[in-house]
Amino acid sequence: MPITLEDVREARRNIAGTALRTPLVPMPAEAKAAVWLKLENLQPIGAFKIRGAANVMAKTPREKLARGVLTASAGNMAQGVAFCARRIGVPATIVAPDTAPATKIRAVERLGGRVILAPFADWWRTFETRSYPGVDATFIHAFDDPDVMAGNGTIALELLEDLPDLDAVVIPWGGGGLACGIAEVLRQLAPRVKIYAAEVETAAPLAASLAAGEPQTVNYQPSFVDGIGSKMVFRNMFEQGQRLLDGSLVVTLAEAASAMKLAAERNRVIVEGASACAIAAAMSGRAGTGKVVAIVSGGNIDLEKFSQLTGS
């Protein structure tokens, strides 16, 4: 069921005091578009996921939360759920792929979350079954949940208030909850705005699925772009993306690394690989040459890896 504007406005009230209203800043760089950065990396957990986590937990009855919460995440939703669980005093269990970066796992543990590292197939199955063997807790889906998407959609309200004449927005595509949440709002309030997903060449199932007209499975290769990318798209999310988006822009690992370095040099911000894909796609001109917003979805990257990639 599509989210409504009232869903998103309610979410804005629900997350006030937990999630920040993040700044929208121009990127002073030579590019084929006037690129703006929506700095969700400045959230308390370093990523946008706090918005959806805070909203879904605000709308879940306390008696359901009391037995604890469970999510599957490569790192950022894990931190969002753990952060919100700690605030209300309930335990959080996180199922993460065994390829998840150590910096994100440590961040979850600092927030009091219990992490279960699982092989990729078992981790992915947790999204499908919305459960994990031996864990009795309320499952919070990282993307395929209308309350999570409504929380993410609050970003669009802020974009239109801060840059009402924006021409396009480029959004990292992981599971699709961020892109579809933002797109639902823009399609209703600013239908002229072009909306694109951003993917990386080593894991771009949405682009392949849109080209084929139905969900496809692709060859997934882990990389420093760990916040987005998988082997497939959930059918429900594909159908929403097909309805809401103008396409998916795929960038190379080299382009992502270059964008990461440029954001540090010009805007003095640290962005993770998923965010860098959106920046690279926006700078390429493929989203248009007007005012193009890149959603900087997070900045949770290991500093040693960041230094390697940027030549610091």
C-alpha atoms as a PDB file:
ATOM      1  CA  MET A   1       0.000   0.000   0.000  1.00  0.00           C
ATOM      2  CA  PRO A   2       1.488   3.401  -1.004  1.00  0.00           C
ATOM      3  CA  ILE A   3       2.303   5.790   1.815  1.00  0.00           C
ATOM      4  CA  THR A   4       0.328   9.033   1.996  1.00  0.00           C
ATOM      5  CA  LEU A   5       1.389  12.584   2.754  1.00  0.00           C
ATOM      6  CA  GLU A   6      -0.394  12.314   6.087  1.00  0.00           C
ATOM      7  CA  ASP A   7       1.676   9.202   6.866  1.00  0.00           C
ATOM      8  CA  VAL A   8       4.843  11.210   6.230  1.00  0.00           C
ATOM      9  CA  ARG A   9       3.682  14.252   8.165  1.00  0.00           C
ATOM     10  CA  GLU A  10       2.785  12.003  11.097  1.00  0.00           C
ATOM     11  CA  ALA A  11       6.226  10.430  10.829  1.00  0.00           C
ATOM     12  CA  ARG A  12       7.796  13.868  11.013  1.00  0.00           C
ATOM     13  CA  ARG A  13       6.059  14.450  14.326  1.00  0.00           C
ATOM     14  CA  ASN A  14       7.021  10.973  15.559  1.00  0.00           C
ATOM     15  CA  ILE A  15      10.737  11.338  14.877  1.00  0.00           C
ATOM     16  CA  ALA A  16      11.133  14.912  16.142  1.00  0.00           C
ATOM     17  CA  GLY A  17      13.694  14.898  18.918  1.00  0.00           C
ATOM     18  CA  THR A  18      15.290  11.663  17.687  1.00  0.00           C
ATOM     19  CA  ALA A  19      16.305  12.364  14.089  1.00  0.00           C
ATOM     20  CA  LEU A  20      17.857  15.639  13.007  1.00  0.00           C
ATOM     21  CA  ARG A  21      16.724  17.939  10.252  1.00  0.00           C
ATOM     22  CA  THR A  22      19.897  17.676   8.182  1.00  0.00           C
ATOM     23  CA  PRO A  23      21.415  20.474   6.076  1.00  0.00           C
ATOM     24  CA  LEU A  24      21.214  20.721   2.297  1.00  0.00           C
ATOM     25  CA  VAL A  25      24.406  22.260   0.926  1.00  0.00           C
ATOM     26  CA  PRO A  26      25.771  23.025  -2.545  1.00  0.00           C
ATOM     27  CA  MET A  27      28.792  21.070  -3.705  1.00  0.00           C
ATOM     28  CA  PRO A  28      31.444  23.465  -5.017  1.00  0.00           C
ATOM     29  CA  ALA A  29      32.735  21.224  -7.781  1.00  0.00           C
ATOM     30  CA  GLU A  30      33.033  21.294 -11.550  1.00  0.00           C
ATOM     31  CA  ALA A  31      30.255  19.022 -12.764  1.00  0.00           C
ATOM     32  CA  LYS A  32      27.639  18.698 -15.468  1.00  0.00           C
ATOM     33  CA  ALA A  33      24.935  19.684 -12.963  1.00  0.00           C
ATOM     34  CA  ALA A  34      24.531  22.027 -10.000  1.00  0.00           C
ATOM     35  CA  VAL A  35      24.892  19.369  -7.310  1.00  0.00           C
ATOM     36  CA  TRP A  36      23.487  19.719  -3.789  1.00  0.00           C
ATOM     37  CA  LEU A  37      24.158  17.332  -0.937  1.00  0.00           C
ATOM     38  CA  LYS A  38      21.519  16.267   1.604  1.00  0.00           C
ATOM     39  CA  LEU A  39      23.776  15.386   4.539  1.00  0.00           C
ATOM     40  CA  GLU A  40      22.111  12.443   6.258  1.00  0.00           C
ATOM     41  CA  ASN A  41      25.602  11.373   7.336  1.00  0.00           C
ATOM     42  CA  LEU A  42      25.210  13.985  10.095  1.00  0.00           C
ATOM     43  CA  GLN A  43      22.421  12.051  11.828  1.00  0.00           C
ATOM     44  CA  PRO A  44      23.214  10.772  15.372  1.00  0.00           C
ATOM     45  CA  ILE A  45      24.002   7.326  13.944  1.00  0.00           C
ATOM     46  CA  GLY A  46      25.720   8.685  10.829  1.00  0.00           C
ATOM     47  CA  ALA A  47      22.936   7.604   8.458  1.00  0.00           C
ATOM     48  CA  PHE A  48      19.329   8.237   7.397  1.00  0.00           C
ATOM     49  CA  LYS A  49      18.115   4.932   8.843  1.00  0.00           C
ATOM     50  CA  ILE A  50      17.318   6.576  12.172  1.00  0.00           C
ATOM     51  CA  ARG A  51      14.258   8.178  10.535  1.00  0.00           C
ATOM     52  CA  GLY A  52      12.521   4.942   9.589  1.00  0.00           C
ATOM     53  CA  ALA A  53      13.572   3.122  12.749  1.00  0.00           C
ATOM     54  CA  ALA A  54      12.279   5.909  14.984  1.00  0.00           C
ATOM     55  CA  ASN A  55       8.940   6.088  13.186  1.00  0.00           C
ATOM     56  CA  VAL A  56       8.181   2.379  13.132  1.00  0.00           C
ATOM     57  CA  MET A  57       9.095   1.999  16.793  1.00  0.00           C
ATOM     58  CA  ALA A  58       6.959   5.024  17.731  1.00  0.00           C
ATOM     59  CA  LYS A  59       3.988   3.353  16.026  1.00  0.00           C
ATOM     60  CA  THR A  60       4.544  -0.126  17.493  1.00  0.00           C
ATOM     61  CA  PRO A  61       2.639  -0.901  20.725  1.00  0.00           C
ATOM     62  CA  ARG A  62       4.944  -0.886  23.728  1.00  0.00           C
ATOM     63  CA  GLU A  63       3.926  -4.412  24.724  1.00  0.00           C
ATOM     64  CA  LYS A  64       5.241  -5.682  21.362  1.00  0.00           C
ATOM     65  CA  LEU A  65       8.509  -3.825  21.819  1.00  0.00           C
ATOM     66  CA  ALA A  66       9.014  -5.052  25.384  1.00  0.00           C
ATOM     67  CA  ARG A  67      10.240  -8.479  24.276  1.00  0.00           C
ATOM     68  CA  GLY A  68      12.894  -6.828  22.140  1.00  0.00           C
ATOM     69  CA  VAL A  69      13.383  -5.922  18.501  1.00  0.00           C
ATOM     70  CA  LEU A  70      15.111  -7.721  15.640  1.00  0.00           C
ATOM     71  CA  THR A  71      16.343  -6.449  12.316  1.00  0.00           C
ATOM     72  CA  ALA A  72      18.557  -7.564   9.440  1.00  0.00           C
ATOM     73  CA  SER A  73      21.079  -5.004   8.317  1.00  0.00           C
ATOM     74  CA  ALA A  74      24.569  -4.526   6.909  1.00  0.00           C
ATOM     75  CA  GLY A  75      25.084  -1.778   9.452  1.00  0.00           C
ATOM     76  CA  ASN A  76      23.081   1.433   9.190  1.00  0.00           C
ATOM     77  CA  MET A  77      19.574   0.141   9.970  1.00  0.00           C
ATOM     78  CA  ALA A  78      21.221  -1.948  12.665  1.00  0.00           C
ATOM     79  CA  GLN A  79      22.473   1.250  14.268  1.00  0.00           C
ATOM     80  CA  GLY A  80      19.118   2.984  13.840  1.00  0.00           C
ATOM     81  CA  VAL A  81      17.236   0.164  15.554  1.00  0.00           C
ATOM     82  CA  ALA A  82      19.852  -0.203  18.306  1.00  0.00           C
ATOM     83  CA  PHE A  83      19.857   3.561  18.947  1.00  0.00           C
ATOM     84  CA  CYS A  84      16.060   3.764  19.231  1.00  0.00           C
ATOM     85  CA  ALA A  85      15.857   0.561  21.300  1.00  0.00           C
ATOM     86  CA  ARG A  86      18.354   1.944  23.798  1.00  0.00           C
ATOM     87  CA  ARG A  87      16.329   5.150  24.111  1.00  0.00           C
ATOM     88  CA  ILE A  88      13.217   3.246  25.165  1.00  0.00           C
ATOM     89  CA  GLY A  89      15.029   0.563  27.137  1.00  0.00           C
ATOM     90  CA  VAL A  90      14.412  -2.604  25.126  1.00  0.00           C
ATOM     91  CA  PRO A  91      16.957  -5.143  23.795  1.00  0.00           C
ATOM     92  CA  ALA A  92      17.945  -5.149  20.118  1.00  0.00           C
ATOM     93  CA  THR A  93      19.252  -8.097  18.104  1.00  0.00           C
ATOM     94  CA  ILE A  94      20.846  -7.528  14.716  1.00  0.00           C
ATOM     95  CA  VAL A  95      21.427 -10.137  12.010  1.00  0.00           C
ATOM     96  CA  ALA A  96      24.281  -8.873   9.839  1.00  0.00           C
ATOM     97  CA  PRO A  97      26.084 -10.441   6.872  1.00  0.00           C
ATOM     98  CA  ASP A  98      29.509 -11.795   7.706  1.00  0.00           C
ATOM     99  CA  THR A  99      30.916  -9.334   5.149  1.00  0.00           C
ATOM    100  CA  ALA A 100      29.652  -6.302   7.104  1.00  0.00           C
ATOM    101  CA  PRO A 101      32.390  -3.752   7.888  1.00  0.00           C
ATOM    102  CA  ALA A 102      33.824  -4.008  11.375  1.00  0.00           C
ATOM    103  CA  THR A 103      33.317  -0.293  11.985  1.00  0.00           C
ATOM    104  CA  LYS A 104      29.546  -0.689  11.618  1.00  0.00           C
ATOM    105  CA  ILE A 105      29.431  -3.787  13.815  1.00  0.00           C
ATOM    106  CA  ARG A 106      31.387  -2.015  16.554  1.00  0.00           C
ATOM    107  CA  ALA A 107      28.999   0.940  16.338  1.00  0.00           C
ATOM    108  CA  VAL A 108      25.999  -1.348  16.888  1.00  0.00           C
ATOM    109  CA  GLU A 109      27.669  -2.962  19.882  1.00  0.00           C
ATOM    110  CA  ARG A 110      28.481   0.451  21.384  1.00  0.00           C
ATOM    111  CA  LEU A 111      24.761   1.175  21.236  1.00  0.00           C
ATOM    112  CA  GLY A 112      24.021  -2.013  23.177  1.00  0.00           C
ATOM    113  CA  GLY A 113      22.852  -4.152  20.253  1.00  0.00           C
ATOM    114  CA  ARG A 114      23.562  -7.884  20.030  1.00  0.00           C
ATOM    115  CA  VAL A 115      25.006  -8.802  16.634  1.00  0.00           C
ATOM    116  CA  ILE A 116      24.610 -12.187  14.938  1.00  0.00           C
ATOM    117  CA  LEU A 117      26.927 -12.542  11.934  1.00  0.00           C
ATOM    118  CA  ALA A 118      25.432 -14.839   9.283  1.00  0.00           C
ATOM    119  CA  PRO A 119      26.351 -16.030   5.783  1.00  0.00           C
ATOM    120  CA  PHE A 120      24.885 -13.822   3.064  1.00  0.00           C
ATOM    121  CA  ALA A 121      22.155 -16.335   2.142  1.00  0.00           C
ATOM    122  CA  ASP A 122      20.980 -16.672   5.739  1.00  0.00           C
ATOM    123  CA  TRP A 123      21.058 -12.894   6.195  1.00  0.00           C
ATOM    124  CA  TRP A 124      18.992 -12.364   3.047  1.00  0.00           C
ATOM    125  CA  ARG A 125      16.506 -15.022   4.156  1.00  0.00           C
ATOM    126  CA  THR A 126      15.886 -13.005   7.318  1.00  0.00           C
ATOM    127  CA  PHE A 127      14.475 -10.196   5.161  1.00  0.00           C
ATOM    128  CA  GLU A 128      12.146 -12.678   3.485  1.00  0.00           C
ATOM    129  CA  THR A 129      10.942 -14.540   6.588  1.00  0.00           C
ATOM    130  CA  ARG A 130      11.076 -11.515   8.913  1.00  0.00           C
ATOM    131  CA  SER A 131      12.483 -13.757  11.632  1.00  0.00           C
ATOM    132  CA  TYR A 132      15.651 -15.528  12.725  1.00  0.00           C
ATOM    133  CA  PRO A 133      15.892 -18.966  14.366  1.00  0.00           C
ATOM    134  CA  GLY A 134      16.084 -18.783  18.134  1.00  0.00           C
ATOM    135  CA  VAL A 135      15.219 -15.070  18.398  1.00  0.00           C
ATOM    136  CA  ASP A 136      11.807 -14.138  19.833  1.00  0.00           C
ATOM    137  CA  ALA A 137      11.472 -10.436  19.104  1.00  0.00           C
ATOM    138  CA  THR A 138       9.463  -7.942  17.049  1.00  0.00           C
ATOM    139  CA  PHE A 139      10.947  -7.767  13.559  1.00  0.00           C
ATOM    140  CA  ILE A 140      11.614  -4.350  12.032  1.00  0.00           C
ATOM    141  CA  HIS A 141      12.200  -4.516   8.300  1.00  0.00           C
ATOM    142  CA  ALA A 142      14.983  -2.309   6.982  1.00  0.00           C
ATOM    143  CA  PHE A 143      13.062  -1.160   3.902  1.00  0.00           C
ATOM    144  CA  ASP A 144       9.871  -3.090   3.029  1.00  0.00           C
ATOM    145  CA  ASP A 145       7.648  -1.456   5.652  1.00  0.00           C
ATOM    146  CA  PRO A 146       5.305   1.510   5.087  1.00  0.00           C
ATOM    147  CA  ASP A 147       6.189   3.076   8.450  1.00  0.00           C
ATOM    148  CA  VAL A 148       9.901   2.860   7.649  1.00  0.00           C
ATOM    149  CA  MET A 149       9.290   4.405   4.225  1.00  0.00           C
ATOM    150  CA  ALA A 150       7.154   7.160   5.751  1.00  0.00           C
ATOM    151  CA  GLY A 151      10.042   8.005   8.068  1.00  0.00           C
ATOM    152  CA  ASN A 152      12.389   8.139   5.082  1.00  0.00           C
ATOM    153  CA  GLY A 153       9.875  10.289   3.210  1.00  0.00           C
ATOM    154  CA  THR A 154      10.374  13.112   5.710  1.00  0.00           C
ATOM    155  CA  ILE A 155      13.600  13.835   3.805  1.00  0.00           C
ATOM    156  CA  ALA A 156      11.516  14.904   0.806  1.00  0.00           C
ATOM    157  CA  LEU A 157       9.546  17.407   2.895  1.00  0.00           C
ATOM    158  CA  GLU A 158      12.824  19.009   3.960  1.00  0.00           C
ATOM    159  CA  LEU A 159      14.153  19.067   0.392  1.00  0.00           C
ATOM    160  CA  LEU A 160      11.115  20.927  -0.912  1.00  0.00           C
ATOM    161  CA  GLU A 161      11.283  23.445   1.921  1.00  0.00           C
ATOM    162  CA  ASP A 162      15.004  24.115   1.455  1.00  0.00           C
ATOM    163  CA  LEU A 163      15.242  23.924  -2.357  1.00  0.00           C
ATOM    164  CA  PRO A 164      11.737  24.213  -3.839  1.00  0.00           C
ATOM    165  CA  ASP A 165      13.076  24.611  -7.393  1.00  0.00           C
ATOM    166  CA  LEU A 166      15.163  21.439  -7.427  1.00  0.00           C
ATOM    167  CA  ASP A 167      15.099  19.610 -10.762  1.00  0.00           C
ATOM    168  CA  ALA A 168      16.145  16.089  -9.823  1.00  0.00           C
ATOM    169  CA  VAL A 169      17.169  13.885  -6.923  1.00  0.00           C
ATOM    170  CA  VAL A 170      19.496  10.884  -6.928  1.00  0.00           C
ATOM    171  CA  ILE A 171      19.000   8.338  -4.142  1.00  0.00           C
ATOM    172  CA  PRO A 172      21.129   5.307  -3.248  1.00  0.00           C
ATOM    173  CA  TRP A 173      19.177   2.075  -3.843  1.00  0.00           C
ATOM    174  CA  GLY A 174      19.745  -0.661  -1.296  1.00  0.00           C
ATOM    175  CA  GLY A 175      16.453  -2.353  -0.527  1.00  0.00           C
ATOM    176  CA  GLY A 176      14.472   0.552  -1.962  1.00  0.00           C
ATOM    177  CA  GLY A 177      12.889   1.973   1.180  1.00  0.00           C
ATOM    178  CA  LEU A 178      14.789   5.260   1.006  1.00  0.00           C
ATOM    179  CA  ALA A 179      14.205   5.866  -2.693  1.00  0.00           C
ATOM    180  CA  CYS A 180      10.533   4.884  -2.610  1.00  0.00           C
ATOM    181  CA  GLY A 181       9.813   6.828   0.576  1.00  0.00           C
ATOM    182  CA  ILE A 182      11.264  10.022  -0.881  1.00  0.00           C
ATOM    183  CA  ALA A 183       9.709   9.414  -4.286  1.00  0.00           C
ATOM    184  CA  GLU A 184       6.176   8.937  -2.914  1.00  0.00           C
ATOM    185  CA  VAL A 185       6.285  12.447  -1.462  1.00  0.00           C
ATOM    186  CA  LEU A 186       7.870  14.085  -4.500  1.00  0.00           C
ATOM    187  CA  ARG A 187       5.399  12.475  -6.895  1.00  0.00           C
ATOM    188  CA  GLN A 188       2.542  14.014  -4.908  1.00  0.00           C
ATOM    189  CA  LEU A 189       4.011  17.440  -4.121  1.00  0.00           C
ATOM    190  CA  ALA A 190       6.470  18.050  -6.977  1.00  0.00           C
ATOM    191  CA  PRO A 191       5.684  15.705  -9.883  1.00  0.00           C
ATOM    192  CA  ARG A 192       7.981  17.633 -12.226  1.00  0.00           C
ATOM    193  CA  VAL A 193      11.069  16.523 -10.264  1.00  0.00           C
ATOM    194  CA  LYS A 194      13.028  13.667 -11.819  1.00  0.00           C
ATOM    195  CA  ILE A 195      13.864  10.847  -9.407  1.00  0.00           C
ATOM    196  CA  TYR A 196      16.695   8.390  -9.948  1.00  0.00           C
ATOM    197  CA  ALA A 197      18.149   5.504  -7.997  1.00  0.00           C
ATOM    198  CA  ALA A 198      21.922   5.156  -7.765  1.00  0.00           C
ATOM    199  CA  GLU A 199      23.601   1.754  -7.888  1.00  0.00           C
ATOM    200  CA  VAL A 200      27.140   0.436  -8.210  1.00  0.00           C
ATOM    201  CA  GLU A 201      28.362  -1.721 -11.092  1.00  0.00           C
ATOM    202  CA  THR A 202      29.231  -4.659  -8.820  1.00  0.00           C
ATOM    203  CA  ALA A 203      25.659  -5.013  -7.526  1.00  0.00           C
ATOM    204  CA  ALA A 204      22.952  -3.313  -9.584  1.00  0.00           C
ATOM    205  CA  PRO A 205      19.829  -5.501  -9.556  1.00  0.00           C
ATOM    206  CA  LEU A 206      17.380  -2.625  -9.951  1.00  0.00           C
ATOM    207  CA  ALA A 207      18.853  -1.436 -13.256  1.00  0.00           C
ATOM    208  CA  ALA A 208      18.757  -4.989 -14.605  1.00  0.00           C
ATOM    209  CA  SER A 209      15.202  -5.485 -13.348  1.00  0.00           C
ATOM    210  CA  LEU A 210      13.928  -2.217 -14.825  1.00  0.00           C
ATOM    211  CA  ALA A 211      15.497  -3.129 -18.177  1.00  0.00           C
ATOM    212  CA  ALA A 212      13.861  -6.574 -18.130  1.00  0.00           C
ATOM    213  CA  GLY A 213      10.523  -5.388 -16.765  1.00  0.00           C
ATOM    214  CA  GLU A 214      10.614  -7.865 -13.894  1.00  0.00           C
ATOM    215  CA  PRO A 215      12.891  -8.690 -10.946  1.00  0.00           C
ATOM    216  CA  GLN A 216      16.250 -10.123 -11.966  1.00  0.00           C
ATOM    217  CA  THR A 217      19.079 -11.817 -10.097  1.00  0.00           C
ATOM    218  CA  VAL A 218      22.547 -10.426 -10.772  1.00  0.00           C
ATOM    219  CA  ASN A 219      26.092 -11.395  -9.886  1.00  0.00           C
ATOM    220  CA  TYR A 220      26.760  -9.732  -6.527  1.00  0.00           C
ATOM    221  CA  GLN A 221      30.353  -8.762  -5.723  1.00  0.00           C
ATOM    222  CA  PRO A 222      31.086  -7.295  -2.264  1.00  0.00           C
ATOM    223  CA  SER A 223      33.008  -4.018  -2.286  1.00  0.00           C
ATOM    224  CA  PHE A 224      33.559  -0.892  -0.194  1.00  0.00           C
ATOM    225  CA  VAL A 225      30.060   0.110  -1.328  1.00  0.00           C
ATOM    226  CA  ASP A 226      28.427  -1.961   1.398  1.00  0.00           C
ATOM    227  CA  GLY A 227      25.357   0.126   2.236  1.00  0.00           C
ATOM    228  CA  ILE A 228      23.648  -0.658  -1.077  1.00  0.00           C
ATOM    229  CA  GLY A 229      23.712  -3.449  -3.598  1.00  0.00           C
ATOM    230  CA  SER A 230      22.560  -7.045  -3.521  1.00  0.00           C
ATOM    231  CA  LYS A 231      21.855  -9.930  -5.847  1.00  0.00           C
ATOM    232  CA  MET A 232      18.149  -9.200  -6.329  1.00  0.00           C
ATOM    233  CA  VAL A 233      15.239  -6.807  -5.720  1.00  0.00           C
ATOM    234  CA  PHE A 234      12.175  -7.735  -3.674  1.00  0.00           C
ATOM    235  CA  ARG A 235       9.188  -7.872  -6.044  1.00  0.00           C
ATOM    236  CA  ASN A 236       7.168  -5.451  -3.909  1.00  0.00           C
ATOM    237  CA  MET A 237      10.006  -2.923  -3.917  1.00  0.00           C
ATOM    238  CA  PHE A 238      10.614  -3.429  -7.631  1.00  0.00           C
ATOM    239  CA  GLU A 239       6.968  -2.673  -8.406  1.00  0.00           C
ATOM    240  CA  GLN A 240       7.130   0.501  -6.337  1.00  0.00           C
ATOM    241  CA  GLY A 241      10.406   1.555  -7.917  1.00  0.00           C
ATOM    242  CA  GLN A 242       9.059   0.871 -11.397  1.00  0.00           C
ATOM    243  CA  ARG A 243       6.067   3.091 -10.648  1.00  0.00           C
ATOM    244  CA  LEU A 244       7.916   5.920  -8.920  1.00  0.00           C
ATOM    245  CA  LEU A 245      11.389   6.246 -10.407  1.00  0.00           C
ATOM    246  CA  ASP A 246      12.703   7.631 -13.685  1.00  0.00           C
ATOM    247  CA  GLY A 247      15.489   5.066 -13.787  1.00  0.00           C
ATOM    248  CA  SER A 248      18.592   3.756 -12.087  1.00  0.00           C
ATOM    249  CA  LEU A 249      22.013   5.308 -12.664  1.00  0.00           C
ATOM    250  CA  VAL A 250      24.865   2.820 -12.309  1.00  0.00           C
ATOM    251  CA  VAL A 251      28.350   4.073 -11.442  1.00  0.00           C
ATOM    252  CA  THR A 252      31.722   2.374 -11.324  1.00  0.00           C
ATOM    253  CA  LEU A 253      33.736   1.743  -8.183  1.00  0.00           C
ATOM    254  CA  ALA A 254      36.311   4.230  -9.467  1.00  0.00           C
ATOM    255  CA  GLU A 255      33.643   6.908  -9.911  1.00  0.00           C
ATOM    256  CA  ALA A 256      32.350   6.273  -6.389  1.00  0.00           C
ATOM    257  CA  ALA A 257      35.836   6.523  -4.886  1.00  0.00           C
ATOM    258  CA  SER A 258      36.475   9.741  -6.794  1.00  0.00           C
ATOM    259  CA  ALA A 259      33.214  11.251  -5.528  1.00  0.00           C
ATOM    260  CA  MET A 260      34.108  10.223  -1.978  1.00  0.00           C
ATOM    261  CA  LYS A 261      37.417  12.077  -2.238  1.00  0.00           C
ATOM    262  CA  LEU A 262      35.825  15.137  -3.821  1.00  0.00           C
ATOM    263  CA  ALA A 263      33.185  15.437  -1.095  1.00  0.00           C
ATOM    264  CA  ALA A 264      35.949  15.381   1.512  1.00  0.00           C
ATOM    265  CA  GLU A 265      38.023  17.970  -0.322  1.00  0.00           C
ATOM    266  CA  ARG A 266      35.247  20.398  -1.270  1.00  0.00           C
ATOM    267  CA  ASN A 267      32.605  19.964   1.450  1.00  0.00           C
ATOM    268  CA  ARG A 268      34.782  18.566   4.244  1.00  0.00           C
ATOM    269  CA  VAL A 269      32.403  15.650   4.814  1.00  0.00           C
ATOM    270  CA  ILE A 270      33.048  11.918   5.056  1.00  0.00           C
ATOM    271  CA  VAL A 271      30.661   9.839   2.970  1.00  0.00           C
ATOM    272  CA  GLU A 272      30.385   6.080   2.665  1.00  0.00           C
ATOM    273  CA  GLY A 273      30.280   4.177  -0.600  1.00  0.00           C
ATOM    274  CA  ALA A 274      26.500   4.241  -1.057  1.00  0.00           C
ATOM    275  CA  SER A 275      26.429   8.022  -0.701  1.00  0.00           C
ATOM    276  CA  ALA A 276      29.361   8.371  -3.072  1.00  0.00           C
ATOM    277  CA  CYS A 277      27.396   6.509  -5.756  1.00  0.00           C
ATOM    278  CA  ALA A 278      24.596   9.088  -5.564  1.00  0.00           C
ATOM    279  CA  ILE A 279      27.101  11.956  -5.713  1.00  0.00           C
ATOM    280  CA  ALA A 280      28.933  10.444  -8.688  1.00  0.00           C
ATOM    281  CA  ALA A 281      25.673   9.852 -10.560  1.00  0.00           C
ATOM    282  CA  ALA A 282      24.481  13.407  -9.879  1.00  0.00           C
ATOM    283  CA  MET A 283      27.777  14.890 -11.060  1.00  0.00           C
ATOM    284  CA  SER A 284      27.713  12.883 -14.291  1.00  0.00           C
ATOM    285  CA  GLY A 285      24.832  14.876 -15.757  1.00  0.00           C
ATOM    286  CA  ARG A 286      22.749  11.754 -16.336  1.00  0.00           C
ATOM    287  CA  ALA A 287      20.134  13.067 -13.890  1.00  0.00           C
ATOM    288  CA  GLY A 288      19.965  16.371 -15.795  1.00  0.00           C
ATOM    289  CA  THR A 289      22.002  19.552 -15.756  1.00  0.00           C
ATOM    290  CA  GLY A 290      19.882  21.687 -13.429  1.00  0.00           C
ATOM    291  CA  LYS A 291      19.753  21.581  -9.627  1.00  0.00           C
ATOM    292  CA  VAL A 292      20.336  17.953  -8.709  1.00  0.00           C
ATOM    293  CA  VAL A 293      20.259  16.733  -5.109  1.00  0.00           C
ATOM    294  CA  ALA A 294      22.353  13.723  -4.123  1.00  0.00           C
ATOM    295  CA  ILE A 295      21.102  12.021  -0.978  1.00  0.00           C
ATOM    296  CA  VAL A 296      24.156  11.450   1.222  1.00  0.00           C
ATOM    297  CA  SER A 297      22.607   8.468   2.934  1.00  0.00           C
ATOM    298  CA  GLY A 298      25.434   7.841   5.395  1.00  0.00           C
ATOM    299  CA  GLY A 299      29.042   8.332   6.386  1.00  0.00           C
ATOM    300  CA  ASN A 300      29.791   5.113   8.246  1.00  0.00           C
ATOM    301  CA  ILE A 301      32.970   3.936   6.624  1.00  0.00           C
ATOM    302  CA  ASP A 302      36.080   2.584   8.305  1.00  0.00           C
ATOM    303  CA  LEU A 303      38.615   5.434   8.392  1.00  0.00           C
ATOM    304  CA  GLU A 304      41.465   3.202   7.262  1.00  0.00           C
ATOM    305  CA  LYS A 305      39.422   2.144   4.214  1.00  0.00           C
ATOM    306  CA  PHE A 306      38.445   5.760   3.602  1.00  0.00           C
ATOM    307  CA  SER A 307      42.101   6.775   3.637  1.00  0.00           C
ATOM    308  CA  GLN A 308      43.001   4.027   1.179  1.00  0.00           C
ATOM    309  CA  LEU A 309      40.235   5.013  -1.221  1.00  0.00           C
ATOM    310  CA  THR A 310      40.895   8.730  -1.113  1.00  0.00           C
ATOM    311  CA  GLY A 311      44.666   8.533  -1.068  1.00  0.00           C
ATOM    312  CA  SER A 312      44.770  10.390   2.255  1.00  0.00           C
END
